[in-house]
């Protein structure tokens, strides 16, 4: 099947590459010539494990192309995926400027083409968009003379760091359509990924759009819930690790997303929670639970700095703190809304020197803080001369370090573990003062 994917950001690049891997002829389009040049030079603008190998293989086999020519790409495509960004606007809702710019460009390219049967040309919104966007896209295409183009919704459920597996082995595929013929086209496209009997869920476009927001809202709620319980444990002397086990074995609750930390970040949860709150506000329905989830998360990003400040007290200015982990989660270089940015900003404001290390995200952080902090090319290099260590992102290589070496390199023997990856008793045996999330001072 011939496919065009508009947008080579995280979702677009993964979508286009995985569809090419299953045998489709895919053209990925971007209006940024430098990004397209980077891809054509066999380099990626993002870090995602396993993605580069798939891009190279499918480019070599001729199934995956990158271009700035949207018109040529969509004219030959049966399926046209819109995968451009929908950033948060000043009002909190999703900014659809890029989506509608793409729709207008598609209509310009398709207006004069002869009509075909239902499903012969389908525009698919892959971007995360507010409920009702599908109808607005369809109306815009009709107004511009594209009467022969169907519009479908197909939200993505990709986790950064595991996106290839998520696409190739999805929990489910959700599509929103007006006509059954369009659903069958998408069913054919996704058939190679659903051979283990994972469900292909067909619903209205409005329900499909809402499903994406509801899923992220539920996951963000679980994170804010466990963080709030962790803060309560800190005050009352309970251990959130024990509490998490005590509730997680309840099959109605489970363990997924019940890991306390310094708050969620990334490109989806913060933006989507704000967007769903804005959707409710526009129709006069206050979403109080979502507002609380957002407020808890904002406060949680202050927790690590509060622990550092409480430990050092008035002697904090002039200290040096090492930070391990800058990306919002492991296995990505994405620092959007990353808790580490909040921590570093607060440390600098307090007059603290900052030394950092991250396996992938330091280049992106350098664009934010420039030469205000020290960037170590190895984890232990960040520790030299530091008065304490803060773990912000739980990269696998941080889980079993040489604690004797850490103790020798640190001037101050204190660890602030924002992900609870270390055992408190082990830290005591090595002579560290240890702070976790929801575990009190150990």
Protein backbone atom coordinates (compact mmCIF):
# COMPACT_ATOMS: atom_id res chain seq x y z
CA UNK A 1 0.00 0.00 0.00
CA UNK A 2 1.26 3.50 -0.80
CA UNK A 3 1.44 5.68 2.30
CA UNK A 4 2.42 9.30 2.95
CA UNK A 5 3.29 10.44 6.46
CA UNK A 6 3.34 14.20 7.01
CA UNK A 7 5.70 15.13 9.84
CA UNK A 8 8.94 13.39 10.77
CA UNK A 9 8.82 14.05 14.47
CA UNK A 10 8.66 11.23 16.97
CA UNK A 11 5.26 9.83 15.95
CA UNK A 12 5.64 10.39 12.22
CA UNK A 13 9.09 8.88 11.95
CA UNK A 14 8.20 5.77 13.96
CA UNK A 15 4.90 5.34 12.12
CA UNK A 16 6.40 5.71 8.66
CA UNK A 17 9.34 3.43 9.39
CA UNK A 18 7.26 0.65 10.93
CA UNK A 19 4.74 0.76 8.09
CA UNK A 20 7.61 0.46 5.61
CA UNK A 21 8.99 -2.46 7.60
CA UNK A 22 5.71 -4.32 6.99
CA UNK A 23 6.07 -3.95 3.22
CA UNK A 24 4.31 -0.68 2.42
CA UNK A 25 5.81 2.02 0.20
CA UNK A 26 6.13 5.01 2.51
CA UNK A 27 7.10 8.61 1.83
CA UNK A 28 7.74 10.74 4.91
CA UNK A 29 7.34 14.47 4.40
CA UNK A 30 8.64 17.38 6.45
CA UNK A 31 8.73 21.11 5.76
CA UNK A 32 12.11 21.40 7.50
CA UNK A 33 14.79 20.85 4.83
CA UNK A 34 17.52 20.34 7.43
CA UNK A 35 15.60 17.53 9.08
CA UNK A 36 14.98 15.84 5.74
CA UNK A 37 18.66 16.23 4.85
CA UNK A 38 19.63 14.67 8.17
CA UNK A 39 17.39 11.67 7.48
CA UNK A 40 18.70 11.32 3.93
CA UNK A 41 22.22 11.32 5.38
CA UNK A 42 21.25 8.29 7.48
CA UNK A 43 21.08 10.21 10.75
CA UNK A 44 18.09 10.63 13.05
CA UNK A 45 16.80 13.87 14.59
CA UNK A 46 15.66 11.91 17.69
CA UNK A 47 16.96 9.03 19.77
CA UNK A 48 14.82 5.90 19.88
CA UNK A 49 16.32 2.44 20.41
CA UNK A 50 16.22 0.29 17.28
CA UNK A 51 14.83 3.00 15.01
CA UNK A 52 17.98 3.83 13.06
CA UNK A 53 18.47 0.20 12.00
CA UNK A 54 14.91 0.04 10.66
CA UNK A 55 15.26 3.34 8.83
CA UNK A 56 18.49 2.24 7.15
CA UNK A 57 17.11 -1.14 6.10
CA UNK A 58 13.90 0.23 4.61
CA UNK A 59 15.69 3.09 2.86
CA UNK A 60 18.10 0.59 1.32
CA UNK A 61 15.22 -1.59 0.16
CA UNK A 62 13.47 1.39 -1.40
CA UNK A 63 10.35 1.28 0.77
CA UNK A 64 11.10 4.44 2.79
CA UNK A 65 11.76 7.89 1.33
CA UNK A 66 12.14 11.33 2.91
CA UNK A 67 11.21 14.54 1.11
CA UNK A 68 9.94 18.10 1.47
CA UNK A 69 7.61 17.67 -1.54
CA UNK A 70 4.21 17.16 0.08
CA UNK A 71 2.28 17.45 -3.16
CA UNK A 72 4.05 14.62 -4.93
CA UNK A 73 3.90 12.40 -1.84
CA UNK A 74 0.15 12.70 -1.25
CA UNK A 75 -0.89 12.49 -4.90
CA UNK A 76 0.41 8.92 -5.14
CA UNK A 77 -0.70 7.81 -1.67
CA UNK A 78 -3.82 5.93 -0.71
CA UNK A 79 -3.34 6.71 2.99
CA UNK A 80 -2.10 10.12 4.14
CA UNK A 81 -1.16 10.30 7.82
CA UNK A 82 -1.01 13.68 9.55
CA UNK A 83 1.60 13.39 12.31
CA UNK A 84 2.57 16.99 13.04
CA UNK A 85 2.87 18.57 16.46
CA UNK A 86 -0.06 19.93 18.44
CA UNK A 87 1.72 22.01 21.08
CA UNK A 88 0.00 23.59 24.03
CA UNK A 89 -1.43 27.02 23.31
CA UNK A 90 -1.46 29.93 25.76
CA UNK A 91 -5.00 28.92 26.74
CA UNK A 92 -3.87 25.38 27.52
CA UNK A 93 -5.61 23.61 24.66
CA UNK A 94 -3.96 21.96 21.65
CA UNK A 95 -2.71 24.34 18.96
CA UNK A 96 -3.95 22.93 15.63
CA UNK A 97 -2.18 25.47 13.41
CA UNK A 98 0.19 22.89 11.94
CA UNK A 99 -2.60 20.33 11.44
CA UNK A 100 -4.75 22.68 9.40
CA UNK A 101 -1.76 23.97 7.44
CA UNK A 102 -1.14 20.37 6.37
CA UNK A 103 -4.83 19.86 5.55
CA UNK A 104 -4.75 22.92 3.29
CA UNK A 105 -1.60 21.67 1.57
CA UNK A 106 -3.17 18.24 1.05
CA UNK A 107 -6.29 19.79 -0.44
CA UNK A 108 -4.22 21.87 -2.84
CA UNK A 109 -2.49 18.71 -4.04
CA UNK A 110 -5.64 16.58 -4.38
CA UNK A 111 -8.35 18.93 -5.60
CA UNK A 112 -7.93 18.19 -9.31
CA UNK A 113 -7.51 14.44 -8.98
CA UNK A 114 -10.41 12.26 -10.20
CA UNK A 115 -12.65 10.77 -7.47
CA UNK A 116 -12.53 7.12 -6.57
CA UNK A 117 -14.66 4.70 -4.52
CA UNK A 118 -14.94 5.06 -0.72
CA UNK A 119 -11.61 4.34 0.92
CA UNK A 120 -9.56 5.02 -2.19
CA UNK A 121 -8.01 8.11 -0.57
CA UNK A 122 -7.96 8.52 3.20
CA UNK A 123 -6.49 11.29 5.34
CA UNK A 124 -5.69 9.88 8.78
CA UNK A 125 -5.11 12.10 11.81
CA UNK A 126 -2.34 10.51 13.86
CA UNK A 127 -1.59 13.67 15.80
CA UNK A 128 -3.21 14.02 19.21
CA UNK A 129 -6.11 16.38 18.56
CA UNK A 130 -9.16 17.58 20.52
CA UNK A 131 -12.49 15.85 20.08
CA UNK A 132 -14.20 17.21 16.99
CA UNK A 133 -11.04 17.80 14.97
CA UNK A 134 -11.86 14.99 12.53
CA UNK A 135 -15.09 16.73 11.58
CA UNK A 136 -13.30 20.05 11.18
CA UNK A 137 -10.68 18.45 8.91
CA UNK A 138 -13.38 16.80 6.79
CA UNK A 139 -15.32 20.06 6.49
CA UNK A 140 -12.17 21.93 5.51
CA UNK A 141 -11.33 19.43 2.79
CA UNK A 142 -14.87 19.60 1.37
CA UNK A 143 -14.82 23.39 1.42
CA UNK A 144 -11.63 23.30 -0.65
CA UNK A 145 -13.12 20.95 -3.21
CA UNK A 146 -11.81 17.58 -1.98
CA UNK A 147 -15.14 15.76 -2.06
CA UNK A 148 -13.56 12.38 -2.72
CA UNK A 149 -11.33 12.17 0.38
CA UNK A 150 -12.30 10.28 3.53
CA UNK A 151 -10.99 11.32 6.95
CA UNK A 152 -10.18 8.87 9.75
CA UNK A 153 -8.77 9.13 13.25
CA UNK A 154 -6.03 6.75 14.38
CA UNK A 155 -4.50 7.85 17.70
CA UNK A 156 -1.04 6.62 18.63
CA UNK A 157 -0.15 4.91 21.91
CA UNK A 158 3.64 4.86 21.65
CA UNK A 159 5.96 4.97 24.66
CA UNK A 160 9.21 6.78 24.04
CA UNK A 161 12.02 4.29 24.52
CA UNK A 162 9.81 1.37 23.47
CA UNK A 163 8.05 2.79 20.42
CA UNK A 164 9.11 0.13 17.94
CA UNK A 165 7.70 -2.69 20.06
CA UNK A 166 4.58 -0.66 20.79
CA UNK A 167 3.93 -0.18 17.08
CA UNK A 168 4.87 -3.68 16.00
CA UNK A 169 3.06 -5.39 18.89
CA UNK A 170 0.24 -3.04 19.87
CA UNK A 171 -2.13 -3.65 22.77
CA UNK A 172 -4.87 -2.50 20.40
CA UNK A 173 -5.36 -0.41 17.29
CA UNK A 174 -8.06 2.27 17.53
CA UNK A 175 -9.61 3.81 14.42
CA UNK A 176 -12.42 6.33 14.12
CA UNK A 177 -14.31 6.32 10.81
CA UNK A 178 -17.61 7.41 9.25
CA UNK A 179 -17.81 4.59 6.72
CA UNK A 180 -17.04 0.87 7.09
CA UNK A 181 -15.08 0.84 3.82
CA UNK A 182 -12.52 3.15 5.42
CA UNK A 183 -12.20 0.88 8.44
CA UNK A 184 -11.42 -2.04 6.15
CA UNK A 185 -8.59 -0.12 4.48
CA UNK A 186 -7.02 0.54 7.86
CA UNK A 187 -7.67 -3.03 8.97
CA UNK A 188 -5.67 -4.23 5.95
CA UNK A 189 -2.85 -1.82 6.77
CA UNK A 190 -2.59 -2.98 10.40
CA UNK A 191 -3.21 -6.70 9.78
CA UNK A 192 0.51 -7.62 9.99
CA UNK A 193 0.69 -6.13 13.49
CA UNK A 194 -2.43 -7.86 14.83
CA UNK A 195 -1.61 -11.50 14.15
CA UNK A 196 -1.59 -12.30 17.88
CA UNK A 197 -5.31 -11.48 18.04
CA UNK A 198 -4.87 -8.01 19.46
CA UNK A 199 -8.10 -6.04 18.94
CA UNK A 200 -8.80 -3.70 16.05
CA UNK A 201 -11.32 -1.30 17.54
CA UNK A 202 -13.61 0.62 15.19
CA UNK A 203 -15.58 3.56 16.56
CA UNK A 204 -16.63 7.08 15.67
CA UNK A 205 -13.87 9.65 15.15
CA UNK A 206 -15.03 11.52 18.25
CA UNK A 207 -14.65 8.39 20.38
CA UNK A 208 -11.23 7.65 18.89
CA UNK A 209 -10.03 11.18 19.63
CA UNK A 210 -11.37 10.94 23.18
CA UNK A 211 -9.74 7.53 23.71
CA UNK A 212 -6.28 9.03 23.33
CA UNK A 213 -6.92 11.73 25.91
CA UNK A 214 -8.68 9.36 28.30
CA UNK A 215 -5.77 6.91 28.17
CA UNK A 216 -3.16 9.54 28.97
CA UNK A 217 -5.38 11.09 31.62
CA UNK A 218 -5.70 7.72 33.37
CA UNK A 219 -1.95 7.06 33.32
CA UNK A 220 -1.11 10.57 34.52
CA UNK A 221 -3.65 10.16 37.32
CA UNK A 222 -1.93 6.99 38.52
CA UNK A 223 1.42 8.79 38.59
CA UNK A 224 0.12 11.77 40.55
CA UNK A 225 -1.75 9.44 42.90
CA UNK A 226 1.33 7.41 43.84
CA UNK A 227 3.41 10.58 44.17
CA UNK A 228 0.88 12.07 46.56
CA UNK A 229 0.84 8.86 48.59
CA UNK A 230 4.66 8.91 48.64
CA UNK A 231 4.70 12.44 50.03
CA UNK A 232 2.29 11.33 52.73
CA UNK A 233 4.55 8.36 53.54
CA UNK A 234 7.49 10.74 53.93
CA UNK A 235 5.62 12.64 56.62
CA UNK A 236 4.15 9.65 58.43
CA UNK A 237 7.13 7.29 58.46
CA UNK A 238 5.72 4.70 56.07
CA UNK A 239 7.68 3.32 53.08
CA UNK A 240 6.00 3.85 49.73
CA UNK A 241 7.81 0.81 48.29
CA UNK A 242 6.00 -1.42 50.75
CA UNK A 243 2.72 0.41 50.22
CA UNK A 244 3.08 0.11 46.44
CA UNK A 245 3.46 -3.65 46.75
CA UNK A 246 0.56 -3.84 49.14
CA UNK A 247 -1.82 -2.19 46.70
CA UNK A 248 -0.29 -3.31 43.40
CA UNK A 249 -1.02 -6.98 44.02
CA UNK A 250 -4.69 -6.06 44.04
CA UNK A 251 -5.67 -7.04 40.49
CA UNK A 252 -8.06 -4.10 40.31
CA UNK A 253 -5.10 -1.74 40.72
CA UNK A 254 -1.95 -3.40 39.35
CA UNK A 255 1.63 -2.12 39.34
CA UNK A 256 1.87 -0.21 36.08
CA UNK A 257 2.61 3.49 36.56
CA UNK A 258 2.67 3.08 40.35
CA UNK A 259 6.29 4.17 40.72
CA UNK A 260 6.85 7.35 42.74
CA UNK A 261 9.22 9.93 41.36
CA UNK A 262 9.79 13.63 40.67
CA UNK A 263 6.72 14.02 38.45
CA UNK A 264 5.88 13.15 34.87
CA UNK A 265 7.18 15.02 31.84
CA UNK A 266 7.61 14.43 28.14
CA UNK A 267 5.70 15.45 25.06
CA UNK A 268 2.35 13.87 25.92
CA UNK A 269 1.14 13.81 29.52
CA UNK A 270 1.67 17.49 30.49
CA UNK A 271 0.26 18.80 27.20
CA UNK A 272 -2.62 16.34 27.01
CA UNK A 273 -3.76 16.93 30.59
CA UNK A 274 -3.86 20.67 29.93
CA UNK A 275 -5.73 20.02 26.68
CA UNK A 276 -8.39 17.83 28.26
CA UNK A 277 -8.90 20.44 31.00
CA UNK A 278 -9.31 23.06 28.26
CA UNK A 279 -11.85 20.88 26.43
CA UNK A 280 -13.95 20.71 29.55
CA UNK A 281 -13.60 24.43 30.19
CA UNK A 282 -14.84 25.27 26.68
CA UNK A 283 -18.11 23.42 27.28
CA UNK A 284 -18.54 24.63 30.86
CA UNK A 285 -17.57 21.32 32.50
CA UNK A 286 -14.78 21.72 35.08
CA UNK A 287 -12.63 18.57 35.18
CA UNK A 288 -11.66 18.75 38.84
CA UNK A 289 -9.78 15.47 38.96
CA UNK A 290 -7.63 16.41 35.97
CA UNK A 291 -6.95 19.80 37.49
CA UNK A 292 -5.77 18.11 40.66
CA UNK A 293 -3.56 15.69 38.71
CA UNK A 294 -1.91 18.65 37.00
CA UNK A 295 -1.42 20.55 40.26
CA UNK A 296 0.06 17.52 42.02
CA UNK A 297 2.52 17.02 39.19
CA UNK A 298 3.63 20.63 39.18
CA UNK A 299 4.26 20.43 42.93
CA UNK A 300 6.05 17.08 42.61
CA UNK A 301 8.71 18.61 40.38
CA UNK A 302 9.76 20.69 43.41
CA UNK A 303 10.23 17.68 45.72
CA UNK A 304 13.86 16.88 44.92
CA UNK A 305 15.02 20.47 45.33
CA UNK A 306 13.10 20.69 48.61
CA UNK A 307 14.95 17.63 49.88
CA UNK A 308 18.30 19.12 48.84
CA UNK A 309 17.47 22.45 50.47
CA UNK A 310 16.26 20.87 53.69
CA UNK A 311 19.39 18.73 53.94
CA UNK A 312 21.92 21.54 53.41
CA UNK A 313 19.94 24.36 55.00
CA UNK A 314 21.64 27.76 55.01
CA UNK A 315 24.88 26.24 53.68
CA UNK A 316 23.33 25.36 50.31
CA UNK A 317 24.62 28.41 48.33
CA UNK A 318 28.09 27.62 47.07
CA UNK A 319 27.59 23.84 47.17
CA UNK A 320 27.93 21.65 44.08
CA UNK A 321 25.36 19.01 43.20
CA UNK A 322 25.74 16.18 40.69
CA UNK A 323 22.67 15.19 38.68
CA UNK A 324 22.33 11.81 36.99
CA UNK A 325 19.59 11.66 34.37
CA UNK A 326 18.21 14.59 32.37
CA UNK A 327 15.70 13.08 29.91
CA UNK A 328 12.14 12.84 31.17
CA UNK A 329 12.48 9.03 31.09
CA UNK A 330 15.15 6.47 30.15
CA UNK A 331 15.89 5.41 26.57
CA UNK A 332 15.12 8.81 25.05
CA UNK A 333 16.80 12.17 24.59
CA UNK A 334 13.51 14.03 25.10
CA UNK A 335 13.72 16.74 27.78
CA UNK A 336 10.32 18.34 27.21
CA UNK A 337 8.81 19.11 30.63
CA UNK A 338 11.58 16.98 32.20
CA UNK A 339 11.75 17.20 36.02
CA UNK A 340 15.54 17.58 35.76
CA UNK A 341 15.08 20.99 34.13
CA UNK A 342 13.07 22.21 37.09
CA UNK A 343 15.64 20.90 39.54
CA UNK A 344 18.61 22.40 37.72
CA UNK A 345 16.90 25.76 37.39
CA UNK A 346 16.16 25.87 41.12
CA UNK A 347 19.69 24.81 42.04
CA UNK A 348 21.19 27.56 39.89
CA UNK A 349 18.83 30.14 41.37
CA UNK A 350 19.97 29.05 44.84
CA UNK A 351 23.62 29.64 43.93
CA UNK A 352 24.51 25.96 43.56
CA UNK A 353 27.02 24.59 41.08
CA UNK A 354 25.59 21.79 38.93
CA UNK A 355 27.40 18.88 37.26
CA UNK A 356 25.28 16.61 35.06
CA UNK A 357 25.37 13.39 33.09
CA UNK A 358 22.85 11.66 30.84
CA UNK A 359 23.55 8.97 28.22
CA UNK A 360 21.54 10.74 25.48
CA UNK A 361 20.02 14.06 26.52
CA UNK A 362 23.00 16.28 27.31
CA UNK A 363 23.02 17.93 23.89
CA UNK A 364 19.42 19.04 24.33
CA UNK A 365 20.07 20.27 27.87
CA UNK A 366 23.10 22.21 26.68
CA UNK A 367 20.78 24.21 24.42
CA UNK A 368 18.81 25.24 27.52
CA UNK A 369 21.51 25.96 30.11
CA UNK A 370 24.55 26.56 27.87
CA UNK A 371 27.67 26.97 30.01
CA UNK A 372 25.82 27.52 33.29
CA UNK A 373 26.39 23.87 34.27
CA UNK A 374 29.13 21.27 33.76
CA UNK A 375 28.47 18.37 31.36
CA UNK A 376 30.31 15.16 32.20
CA UNK A 377 30.79 12.58 29.47
CA UNK A 378 30.60 9.75 32.02
CA UNK A 379 28.55 9.30 35.19
CA UNK A 380 31.45 9.34 37.62
CA UNK A 381 32.86 12.49 36.03
CA UNK A 382 29.82 14.38 37.27
CA UNK A 383 30.60 13.38 40.86
CA UNK A 384 34.08 14.85 41.14
CA UNK A 385 34.02 17.50 43.85
CA UNK A 386 30.24 17.41 44.28
CA UNK A 387 28.59 17.70 47.68
CA UNK A 388 25.75 15.32 46.81
CA UNK A 389 24.20 13.25 44.04
CA UNK A 390 20.63 13.47 42.75
CA UNK A 391 19.16 10.66 40.64
CA UNK A 392 16.44 12.10 38.41
CA UNK A 393 16.09 9.58 35.56
CA UNK A 394 16.44 5.83 36.10
CA UNK A 395 18.74 4.88 33.24
CA UNK A 396 19.76 1.20 33.59
CA UNK A 397 23.44 2.07 33.95
CA UNK A 398 22.69 4.00 37.14
CA UNK A 399 21.15 1.03 38.94
CA UNK A 400 24.30 -0.85 40.00
CA UNK A 401 27.14 1.65 40.20
CA UNK A 402 30.39 1.35 42.15
CA UNK A 403 29.26 2.82 45.47
CA UNK A 404 32.78 2.78 46.88
CA UNK A 405 33.91 4.93 43.98
CA UNK A 406 30.91 7.21 44.42
CA UNK A 407 31.82 7.66 48.07
CA UNK A 408 35.44 8.54 47.20
CA UNK A 409 34.46 11.05 44.53
CA UNK A 410 31.72 12.88 46.43
CA UNK A 411 32.77 15.49 48.98
CA UNK A 412 29.45 15.07 50.72
CA UNK A 413 28.13 11.55 51.24
CA UNK A 414 24.48 12.18 50.48
CA UNK A 415 22.28 10.71 47.73
CA UNK A 416 18.87 12.01 46.75
CA UNK A 417 17.23 9.13 44.88
CA UNK A 418 14.35 10.52 42.83
CA UNK A 419 13.43 7.08 41.47
CA UNK A 420 13.95 4.82 44.52
CA UNK A 421 16.38 2.65 42.58
CA UNK A 422 18.71 2.04 45.54
CA UNK A 423 18.17 0.04 48.68
CA UNK A 424 18.15 2.24 51.77
CA UNK A 425 19.96 -0.34 53.94
CA UNK A 426 22.70 -0.75 51.35
CA UNK A 427 23.17 3.00 51.25
CA UNK A 428 23.55 3.06 55.03
CA UNK A 429 26.17 0.32 54.87
CA UNK A 430 28.23 2.44 52.48
CA UNK A 431 27.90 5.42 54.80
CA UNK A 432 25.57 7.53 52.68
CA UNK A 433 22.80 9.73 53.96
CA UNK A 434 19.97 8.60 51.73
CA UNK A 435 16.73 10.28 50.69
CA UNK A 436 14.20 8.54 48.49
CA UNK A 437 10.70 9.49 47.41
CA UNK A 438 8.22 8.45 50.08
CA UNK A 439 10.84 6.69 52.17
CA UNK A 440 11.89 9.38 54.62
CA UNK A 441 15.50 10.03 55.53
CA UNK A 442 17.51 6.81 55.80
